[in-house]
N, C-alpha and C. Protein backbone atom coordinates (compact mmCIF):
# COMPACT_ATOMS: atom_id res chain seq x y z
N UNK A 1 1.39 -48.77 104.19
CA UNK A 1 0.75 -48.71 102.88
C UNK A 1 -0.37 -47.68 102.92
N UNK A 2 -0.44 -46.87 101.90
CA UNK A 2 -1.41 -45.77 101.87
C UNK A 2 -2.82 -46.30 101.64
N UNK A 3 -3.75 -45.65 102.26
CA UNK A 3 -5.18 -45.97 102.09
C UNK A 3 -5.64 -45.48 100.72
N UNK A 4 -6.38 -46.29 99.93
CA UNK A 4 -6.84 -45.82 98.62
C UNK A 4 -7.84 -44.67 98.78
N UNK A 5 -7.81 -43.78 97.78
CA UNK A 5 -8.73 -42.64 97.82
C UNK A 5 -10.16 -43.11 97.67
N UNK A 6 -11.04 -42.47 98.40
CA UNK A 6 -12.46 -42.81 98.28
C UNK A 6 -13.09 -41.87 97.26
N UNK A 7 -13.96 -42.41 96.45
CA UNK A 7 -14.61 -41.62 95.42
C UNK A 7 -15.77 -40.83 96.02
N UNK A 8 -16.03 -39.69 95.42
CA UNK A 8 -17.19 -38.90 95.82
C UNK A 8 -18.45 -39.64 95.40
N UNK A 9 -19.56 -39.25 95.97
CA UNK A 9 -20.82 -39.91 95.68
C UNK A 9 -21.16 -39.80 94.19
N UNK A 10 -21.46 -40.94 93.56
CA UNK A 10 -21.84 -40.97 92.16
C UNK A 10 -20.68 -41.08 91.20
N UNK A 11 -19.44 -41.11 91.70
CA UNK A 11 -18.28 -41.21 90.83
C UNK A 11 -17.72 -42.62 90.86
N UNK A 12 -17.04 -43.00 89.79
CA UNK A 12 -16.46 -44.33 89.67
C UNK A 12 -14.96 -44.22 89.95
N UNK A 13 -14.49 -44.77 91.08
CA UNK A 13 -13.07 -44.74 91.40
C UNK A 13 -12.34 -45.82 90.60
N UNK A 14 -12.83 -47.04 90.70
CA UNK A 14 -12.35 -48.11 89.82
C UNK A 14 -13.53 -49.04 89.57
N UNK A 15 -13.61 -49.50 88.34
CA UNK A 15 -14.74 -50.31 87.92
C UNK A 15 -15.16 -49.90 86.53
N UNK A 16 -16.27 -50.42 86.07
CA UNK A 16 -16.74 -50.20 84.70
C UNK A 16 -17.38 -48.83 84.55
N UNK A 17 -16.88 -48.06 83.59
CA UNK A 17 -17.42 -46.73 83.31
C UNK A 17 -18.42 -46.78 82.15
N UNK A 18 -18.16 -47.61 81.15
CA UNK A 18 -19.06 -47.77 80.01
C UNK A 18 -18.93 -49.19 79.49
N UNK A 19 -20.04 -49.74 79.02
CA UNK A 19 -20.03 -51.12 78.55
C UNK A 19 -20.81 -51.23 77.26
N UNK A 20 -20.31 -52.04 76.33
CA UNK A 20 -20.98 -52.31 75.07
C UNK A 20 -21.59 -53.71 75.17
N UNK A 21 -22.79 -53.79 75.72
CA UNK A 21 -23.42 -55.08 75.96
C UNK A 21 -23.87 -55.76 74.66
N UNK A 22 -24.19 -54.96 73.67
CA UNK A 22 -24.67 -55.50 72.41
C UNK A 22 -23.55 -56.17 71.62
N UNK A 23 -22.30 -55.81 71.90
CA UNK A 23 -21.18 -56.37 71.15
C UNK A 23 -21.08 -57.88 71.34
N UNK A 24 -21.32 -58.36 72.55
CA UNK A 24 -21.23 -59.81 72.78
C UNK A 24 -22.38 -60.56 72.13
N UNK A 25 -23.45 -59.85 71.82
CA UNK A 25 -24.57 -60.47 71.11
C UNK A 25 -24.33 -60.46 69.60
N UNK A 26 -23.78 -59.37 69.07
CA UNK A 26 -23.56 -59.24 67.63
C UNK A 26 -22.30 -59.95 67.14
N UNK A 27 -21.34 -60.19 68.04
CA UNK A 27 -20.07 -60.79 67.66
C UNK A 27 -19.76 -61.99 68.54
N UNK A 28 -19.06 -62.96 67.96
CA UNK A 28 -18.50 -64.06 68.73
C UNK A 28 -17.09 -63.64 69.09
N UNK A 29 -16.86 -63.33 70.36
CA UNK A 29 -15.57 -62.80 70.81
C UNK A 29 -14.61 -63.96 71.02
N UNK A 30 -13.48 -63.93 70.30
CA UNK A 30 -12.48 -64.99 70.40
C UNK A 30 -11.42 -64.69 71.45
N UNK A 31 -10.95 -63.46 71.50
CA UNK A 31 -9.95 -63.09 72.48
C UNK A 31 -10.14 -61.63 72.88
N UNK A 32 -9.60 -61.27 74.02
CA UNK A 32 -9.71 -59.90 74.50
C UNK A 32 -8.32 -59.36 74.82
N UNK A 33 -8.18 -58.04 74.66
CA UNK A 33 -6.92 -57.35 74.95
C UNK A 33 -7.27 -56.07 75.70
N UNK A 34 -6.51 -55.76 76.74
CA UNK A 34 -6.72 -54.53 77.49
C UNK A 34 -5.73 -53.48 77.00
N UNK A 35 -6.24 -52.29 76.67
CA UNK A 35 -5.41 -51.21 76.16
C UNK A 35 -5.62 -49.96 76.99
N UNK A 36 -4.57 -49.16 77.10
CA UNK A 36 -4.69 -47.87 77.75
C UNK A 36 -5.39 -46.90 76.83
N UNK A 37 -5.85 -45.79 77.37
CA UNK A 37 -6.63 -44.82 76.60
C UNK A 37 -6.09 -43.43 76.90
N UNK A 38 -5.75 -42.68 75.84
CA UNK A 38 -5.26 -41.31 76.01
C UNK A 38 -6.47 -40.39 76.08
N UNK A 39 -6.62 -39.71 77.23
CA UNK A 39 -7.76 -38.83 77.45
C UNK A 39 -7.29 -37.48 77.98
N UNK A 40 -8.12 -36.47 77.81
CA UNK A 40 -7.89 -35.17 78.41
C UNK A 40 -8.59 -35.15 79.77
N UNK A 41 -8.27 -34.18 80.59
CA UNK A 41 -8.81 -34.09 81.95
C UNK A 41 -10.32 -34.11 82.03
N UNK A 42 -11.03 -33.25 81.25
CA UNK A 42 -12.49 -33.27 81.34
C UNK A 42 -13.11 -34.57 80.83
N UNK A 43 -12.41 -35.26 79.91
CA UNK A 43 -12.93 -36.54 79.43
C UNK A 43 -12.90 -37.57 80.55
N UNK A 44 -11.85 -37.55 81.35
CA UNK A 44 -11.74 -38.47 82.48
C UNK A 44 -12.84 -38.18 83.49
N UNK A 45 -13.08 -36.90 83.76
CA UNK A 45 -14.13 -36.54 84.72
C UNK A 45 -15.50 -36.99 84.23
N UNK A 46 -15.75 -36.84 82.94
CA UNK A 46 -17.02 -37.27 82.38
C UNK A 46 -17.15 -38.80 82.47
N UNK A 47 -16.05 -39.52 82.21
CA UNK A 47 -16.07 -40.98 82.32
C UNK A 47 -16.34 -41.41 83.77
N UNK A 48 -15.77 -40.71 84.72
CA UNK A 48 -15.97 -41.07 86.13
C UNK A 48 -17.43 -40.93 86.54
N UNK A 49 -18.19 -40.11 85.83
CA UNK A 49 -19.63 -40.01 86.08
C UNK A 49 -20.40 -41.12 85.37
N UNK A 50 -19.72 -41.94 84.55
CA UNK A 50 -20.34 -43.08 83.89
C UNK A 50 -21.29 -42.70 82.77
N UNK A 51 -20.96 -41.63 82.03
CA UNK A 51 -21.88 -41.13 81.02
C UNK A 51 -21.47 -41.49 79.60
N UNK A 52 -20.44 -42.29 79.40
CA UNK A 52 -19.95 -42.61 78.06
C UNK A 52 -20.79 -43.72 77.41
N UNK A 53 -20.74 -43.78 76.08
CA UNK A 53 -21.45 -44.80 75.32
C UNK A 53 -20.52 -45.43 74.30
N UNK A 54 -20.57 -46.76 74.18
CA UNK A 54 -19.71 -47.49 73.24
C UNK A 54 -20.49 -48.23 72.17
N UNK A 55 -21.78 -48.00 72.05
CA UNK A 55 -22.60 -48.83 71.16
C UNK A 55 -22.17 -48.73 69.70
N UNK A 56 -21.72 -47.58 69.23
CA UNK A 56 -21.34 -47.43 67.83
C UNK A 56 -19.82 -47.34 67.66
N UNK A 57 -19.07 -47.60 68.71
CA UNK A 57 -17.62 -47.43 68.67
C UNK A 57 -16.93 -48.61 68.00
N UNK A 58 -15.76 -48.33 67.44
CA UNK A 58 -14.93 -49.37 66.84
C UNK A 58 -13.48 -48.96 66.94
N UNK A 59 -12.60 -49.93 66.87
CA UNK A 59 -11.17 -49.67 66.96
C UNK A 59 -10.53 -50.01 65.62
N UNK A 60 -9.55 -49.20 65.24
CA UNK A 60 -8.87 -49.42 63.97
C UNK A 60 -7.49 -48.83 63.98
N UNK A 61 -6.78 -49.05 62.86
CA UNK A 61 -5.40 -48.62 62.74
C UNK A 61 -5.32 -47.34 61.93
N UNK A 62 -4.45 -46.42 62.38
CA UNK A 62 -4.17 -45.20 61.63
C UNK A 62 -2.70 -44.88 61.86
N UNK A 63 -1.92 -44.82 60.80
CA UNK A 63 -0.50 -44.49 60.86
C UNK A 63 0.28 -45.41 61.80
N UNK A 64 -0.03 -46.69 61.78
CA UNK A 64 0.69 -47.65 62.60
C UNK A 64 0.30 -47.67 64.06
N UNK A 65 -0.73 -46.92 64.45
CA UNK A 65 -1.19 -46.88 65.83
C UNK A 65 -2.65 -47.28 65.88
N UNK A 66 -3.09 -47.75 67.03
CA UNK A 66 -4.50 -48.12 67.21
C UNK A 66 -5.26 -46.93 67.78
N UNK A 67 -6.47 -46.73 67.27
CA UNK A 67 -7.33 -45.62 67.69
C UNK A 67 -8.73 -46.14 67.98
N UNK A 68 -9.40 -45.47 68.88
CA UNK A 68 -10.79 -45.75 69.20
C UNK A 68 -11.64 -44.69 68.51
N UNK A 69 -12.50 -45.12 67.60
CA UNK A 69 -13.32 -44.21 66.81
C UNK A 69 -14.77 -44.25 67.28
N UNK A 70 -15.43 -43.11 67.21
CA UNK A 70 -16.87 -42.97 67.41
C UNK A 70 -17.36 -43.34 68.82
N UNK A 71 -16.47 -43.33 69.80
CA UNK A 71 -16.91 -43.53 71.18
C UNK A 71 -17.43 -42.19 71.69
N UNK A 72 -18.59 -42.21 72.32
CA UNK A 72 -19.22 -40.96 72.77
C UNK A 72 -18.91 -40.72 74.24
N UNK A 73 -18.13 -39.67 74.49
CA UNK A 73 -17.87 -39.22 75.86
C UNK A 73 -18.37 -37.79 75.92
N UNK A 74 -19.49 -37.54 76.59
CA UNK A 74 -20.08 -36.19 76.58
C UNK A 74 -19.20 -35.20 77.34
N UNK A 75 -19.40 -33.92 77.03
CA UNK A 75 -18.63 -32.88 77.69
C UNK A 75 -18.94 -32.86 79.18
N UNK A 76 -17.93 -32.54 79.97
CA UNK A 76 -18.07 -32.47 81.41
C UNK A 76 -18.83 -31.20 81.78
N UNK A 77 -19.88 -31.33 82.57
CA UNK A 77 -20.74 -30.20 82.90
C UNK A 77 -20.41 -29.55 84.24
N UNK A 78 -19.39 -30.05 84.95
CA UNK A 78 -19.13 -29.59 86.30
C UNK A 78 -18.42 -28.27 86.42
N UNK A 79 -17.98 -27.67 85.34
CA UNK A 79 -17.27 -26.41 85.43
C UNK A 79 -16.82 -25.96 84.06
N UNK A 80 -16.16 -24.83 84.01
CA UNK A 80 -15.68 -24.32 82.73
C UNK A 80 -14.26 -24.85 82.54
N UNK A 81 -14.14 -25.91 81.79
CA UNK A 81 -12.84 -26.49 81.46
C UNK A 81 -12.69 -26.48 79.95
N UNK A 82 -11.57 -26.96 79.49
CA UNK A 82 -11.34 -26.97 78.05
C UNK A 82 -12.39 -27.86 77.37
N UNK A 83 -12.87 -27.39 76.26
CA UNK A 83 -13.88 -28.13 75.50
C UNK A 83 -13.20 -29.22 74.66
N UNK A 84 -13.95 -30.27 74.35
CA UNK A 84 -13.43 -31.33 73.50
C UNK A 84 -14.57 -31.88 72.66
N UNK A 85 -14.21 -32.53 71.60
CA UNK A 85 -15.18 -33.14 70.69
C UNK A 85 -15.64 -34.46 71.30
N UNK A 86 -16.97 -34.66 71.50
CA UNK A 86 -17.45 -35.88 72.16
C UNK A 86 -17.15 -37.17 71.39
N UNK A 87 -17.10 -37.12 70.07
CA UNK A 87 -16.85 -38.33 69.28
C UNK A 87 -15.48 -38.32 68.60
N UNK A 88 -14.54 -37.59 69.14
CA UNK A 88 -13.20 -37.50 68.56
C UNK A 88 -12.48 -38.85 68.65
N UNK A 89 -11.61 -39.16 67.68
CA UNK A 89 -10.80 -40.38 67.79
C UNK A 89 -9.85 -40.26 68.98
N UNK A 90 -9.71 -41.35 69.72
CA UNK A 90 -8.84 -41.36 70.89
C UNK A 90 -7.80 -42.46 70.73
N UNK A 91 -6.56 -42.12 71.02
CA UNK A 91 -5.45 -43.05 70.83
C UNK A 91 -5.48 -44.15 71.88
N UNK A 92 -5.23 -45.38 71.43
CA UNK A 92 -5.13 -46.53 72.32
C UNK A 92 -3.66 -46.86 72.55
N UNK A 93 -3.31 -47.17 73.77
CA UNK A 93 -1.93 -47.47 74.13
C UNK A 93 -1.72 -48.98 74.16
N UNK A 94 -1.05 -49.48 73.13
CA UNK A 94 -0.73 -50.89 73.02
C UNK A 94 0.72 -51.04 72.60
N UNK A 95 1.30 -52.18 72.92
CA UNK A 95 2.65 -52.46 72.46
C UNK A 95 2.60 -52.84 70.98
N UNK A 96 3.71 -52.64 70.30
CA UNK A 96 3.78 -52.89 68.85
C UNK A 96 3.41 -54.34 68.52
N UNK A 97 3.85 -55.26 69.35
CA UNK A 97 3.55 -56.68 69.11
C UNK A 97 2.04 -56.94 69.22
N UNK A 98 1.38 -56.29 70.19
CA UNK A 98 -0.07 -56.45 70.35
C UNK A 98 -0.80 -55.87 69.13
N UNK A 99 -0.34 -54.71 68.66
CA UNK A 99 -0.96 -54.09 67.48
C UNK A 99 -0.83 -55.00 66.27
N UNK A 100 0.36 -55.57 66.08
CA UNK A 100 0.58 -56.48 64.94
C UNK A 100 -0.31 -57.72 65.05
N UNK A 101 -0.48 -58.25 66.24
CA UNK A 101 -1.34 -59.42 66.44
C UNK A 101 -2.79 -59.09 66.11
N UNK A 102 -3.27 -57.95 66.60
CA UNK A 102 -4.66 -57.55 66.33
C UNK A 102 -4.89 -57.32 64.85
N UNK A 103 -3.99 -56.57 64.23
CA UNK A 103 -4.17 -56.28 62.80
C UNK A 103 -4.03 -57.54 61.95
N UNK A 104 -3.17 -58.47 62.37
CA UNK A 104 -3.04 -59.74 61.65
C UNK A 104 -4.31 -60.55 61.70
N UNK A 105 -4.97 -60.59 62.86
CA UNK A 105 -6.21 -61.35 62.96
C UNK A 105 -7.32 -60.70 62.14
N UNK A 106 -7.29 -59.38 62.02
CA UNK A 106 -8.31 -58.69 61.23
C UNK A 106 -8.11 -58.98 59.74
N UNK A 107 -6.87 -58.93 59.27
CA UNK A 107 -6.63 -59.12 57.82
C UNK A 107 -6.74 -60.59 57.42
N UNK A 108 -6.21 -61.52 58.24
CA UNK A 108 -6.23 -62.94 57.86
C UNK A 108 -7.60 -63.56 58.02
N UNK A 109 -8.23 -63.33 59.16
CA UNK A 109 -9.46 -64.05 59.49
C UNK A 109 -10.71 -63.25 59.20
N UNK A 110 -10.58 -61.99 58.85
CA UNK A 110 -11.75 -61.17 58.60
C UNK A 110 -12.49 -60.82 59.88
N UNK A 111 -11.79 -60.75 60.99
CA UNK A 111 -12.40 -60.40 62.28
C UNK A 111 -12.53 -58.89 62.42
N UNK A 112 -13.19 -58.48 63.47
CA UNK A 112 -13.34 -57.07 63.80
C UNK A 112 -12.80 -56.83 65.19
N UNK A 113 -12.32 -55.61 65.43
CA UNK A 113 -11.88 -55.22 66.76
C UNK A 113 -12.97 -54.36 67.35
N UNK A 114 -13.59 -54.86 68.41
CA UNK A 114 -14.75 -54.21 69.00
C UNK A 114 -14.43 -53.81 70.45
N UNK A 115 -14.64 -52.54 70.82
CA UNK A 115 -14.46 -52.18 72.23
C UNK A 115 -15.62 -52.73 73.06
N UNK A 116 -15.29 -53.48 74.12
CA UNK A 116 -16.31 -54.12 74.95
C UNK A 116 -16.66 -53.27 76.16
N UNK A 117 -15.66 -52.62 76.76
CA UNK A 117 -15.94 -51.78 77.93
C UNK A 117 -14.78 -50.83 78.17
N UNK A 118 -15.11 -49.73 78.84
CA UNK A 118 -14.10 -48.81 79.37
C UNK A 118 -14.21 -48.92 80.89
N UNK A 119 -13.08 -49.14 81.53
CA UNK A 119 -13.08 -49.26 82.98
C UNK A 119 -11.86 -48.57 83.56
N UNK A 120 -11.89 -48.37 84.86
CA UNK A 120 -10.76 -47.83 85.59
C UNK A 120 -10.12 -48.96 86.38
N UNK A 121 -8.79 -49.09 86.27
CA UNK A 121 -8.10 -50.15 87.01
C UNK A 121 -7.88 -49.71 88.46
N UNK A 122 -7.16 -50.52 89.23
CA UNK A 122 -6.95 -50.23 90.64
C UNK A 122 -6.19 -48.92 90.85
N UNK A 123 -5.35 -48.56 89.90
CA UNK A 123 -4.57 -47.33 90.00
C UNK A 123 -5.34 -46.11 89.52
N UNK A 124 -6.56 -46.30 89.01
CA UNK A 124 -7.37 -45.19 88.55
C UNK A 124 -7.14 -44.81 87.11
N UNK A 125 -6.46 -45.66 86.34
CA UNK A 125 -6.19 -45.40 84.93
C UNK A 125 -7.33 -45.92 84.08
N UNK A 126 -7.69 -45.16 83.04
CA UNK A 126 -8.76 -45.58 82.14
C UNK A 126 -8.21 -46.62 81.16
N UNK A 127 -8.90 -47.72 81.05
CA UNK A 127 -8.51 -48.82 80.16
C UNK A 127 -9.70 -49.20 79.29
N UNK A 128 -9.39 -49.71 78.10
CA UNK A 128 -10.42 -50.19 77.18
C UNK A 128 -10.20 -51.68 76.98
N UNK A 129 -11.26 -52.46 77.11
CA UNK A 129 -11.19 -53.89 76.83
C UNK A 129 -11.64 -54.09 75.39
N UNK A 130 -10.69 -54.51 74.54
CA UNK A 130 -10.98 -54.74 73.13
C UNK A 130 -11.19 -56.22 72.89
N UNK A 131 -12.19 -56.54 72.08
CA UNK A 131 -12.46 -57.92 71.74
C UNK A 131 -12.25 -58.15 70.26
N UNK A 132 -11.61 -59.26 69.91
CA UNK A 132 -11.45 -59.66 68.52
C UNK A 132 -12.54 -60.68 68.25
N UNK A 133 -13.45 -60.35 67.35
CA UNK A 133 -14.58 -61.24 67.13
C UNK A 133 -15.06 -61.25 65.70
N UNK A 134 -15.83 -62.27 65.41
CA UNK A 134 -16.46 -62.41 64.10
C UNK A 134 -17.94 -62.10 64.25
N UNK A 135 -18.50 -61.45 63.24
CA UNK A 135 -19.91 -61.11 63.28
C UNK A 135 -20.79 -62.34 63.22
N UNK A 136 -21.86 -62.32 63.98
CA UNK A 136 -22.80 -63.44 63.98
C UNK A 136 -23.87 -63.23 62.93
N UNK A 137 -24.32 -64.33 62.38
CA UNK A 137 -25.45 -64.28 61.45
C UNK A 137 -26.75 -64.36 62.24
N UNK A 138 -27.86 -64.16 61.56
CA UNK A 138 -29.16 -64.10 62.23
C UNK A 138 -29.49 -65.39 62.97
N UNK A 139 -29.20 -66.55 62.34
CA UNK A 139 -29.52 -67.81 63.00
C UNK A 139 -28.63 -68.05 64.22
N UNK A 140 -27.39 -67.55 64.20
CA UNK A 140 -26.53 -67.67 65.36
C UNK A 140 -27.07 -66.84 66.52
N UNK A 141 -27.62 -65.67 66.20
CA UNK A 141 -28.20 -64.82 67.24
C UNK A 141 -29.41 -65.49 67.86
N UNK A 142 -30.22 -66.16 67.02
CA UNK A 142 -31.39 -66.87 67.55
C UNK A 142 -30.96 -67.99 68.49
N UNK A 143 -29.90 -68.70 68.12
CA UNK A 143 -29.39 -69.77 68.98
C UNK A 143 -28.88 -69.21 70.31
N UNK A 144 -28.24 -68.05 70.26
CA UNK A 144 -27.75 -67.42 71.49
C UNK A 144 -28.91 -67.01 72.38
N UNK A 145 -29.98 -66.50 71.79
CA UNK A 145 -31.17 -66.12 72.57
C UNK A 145 -31.79 -67.35 73.21
N UNK A 146 -31.93 -68.44 72.44
CA UNK A 146 -32.52 -69.67 72.97
C UNK A 146 -31.67 -70.23 74.12
N UNK A 147 -30.36 -70.21 73.95
CA UNK A 147 -29.47 -70.71 74.99
C UNK A 147 -29.57 -69.86 76.26
N UNK A 148 -29.61 -68.54 76.09
CA UNK A 148 -29.72 -67.64 77.24
C UNK A 148 -31.05 -67.85 77.97
N UNK A 149 -32.14 -68.02 77.22
CA UNK A 149 -33.44 -68.25 77.83
C UNK A 149 -33.47 -69.57 78.60
N UNK A 150 -32.85 -70.62 78.03
CA UNK A 150 -32.83 -71.91 78.69
C UNK A 150 -32.04 -71.83 79.99
N UNK A 151 -30.91 -71.12 79.99
CA UNK A 151 -30.12 -70.97 81.22
C UNK A 151 -30.91 -70.23 82.29
N UNK A 152 -31.65 -69.21 81.89
CA UNK A 152 -32.46 -68.46 82.84
C UNK A 152 -33.56 -69.34 83.42
N UNK A 153 -34.26 -70.12 82.56
CA UNK A 153 -35.32 -71.00 83.04
C UNK A 153 -34.76 -72.10 83.95
N UNK A 154 -33.60 -72.61 83.59
CA UNK A 154 -32.98 -73.65 84.40
C UNK A 154 -32.62 -73.11 85.79
N UNK A 155 -32.12 -71.89 85.83
CA UNK A 155 -31.78 -71.28 87.13
C UNK A 155 -33.03 -71.07 87.97
N UNK A 156 -34.14 -70.69 87.35
CA UNK A 156 -35.40 -70.51 88.07
C UNK A 156 -35.88 -71.84 88.66
N UNK A 157 -35.80 -72.89 87.84
CA UNK A 157 -36.22 -74.21 88.30
C UNK A 157 -35.36 -74.70 89.48
N UNK A 158 -34.08 -74.47 89.40
CA UNK A 158 -33.18 -74.90 90.48
C UNK A 158 -33.45 -74.10 91.76
N UNK A 159 -33.75 -72.83 91.64
CA UNK A 159 -34.07 -72.01 92.81
C UNK A 159 -35.38 -72.46 93.45
N UNK A 160 -36.35 -72.84 92.59
CA UNK A 160 -37.66 -73.26 93.11
C UNK A 160 -37.56 -74.58 93.86
N UNK A 161 -36.65 -75.46 93.42
CA UNK A 161 -36.54 -76.75 94.06
C UNK A 161 -35.80 -76.71 95.39
N UNK A 162 -34.96 -75.71 95.55
CA UNK A 162 -34.34 -75.75 96.83
C UNK A 162 -33.23 -74.86 97.08
């Protein structure tokens, strides 16, 4: 069996390249789906440096296919390669049945499709973790903050005791 390639210093071989941490606070995530991502070469290199941002990104349907909109992947600075638009729509690779399920939950339940993270799998392929969630109201966010604070305090107390 072949030895896996080792990444250069500062590069992500497999693992999380970009994460939308605010999405889990703003939305109640009901289910998640992993989708492939169509990228150009310099976009992959930029992602491997972990410089992408998903805070304003969203996923939606266009011409029967799923697309990732407004995800920021900055241009690769390591050499003169083909240029690309940092916020260009990028095609998501999903099966037709998965697309129908996602779009059905959006139309019936009024949910949103939110990208939670971009990561590289064991084979080095870029994947997007999409979450189907409903937006939280202000009082729900306060409850989430209170719950998170209580869990943190409880962990501190347990550590102090032993």
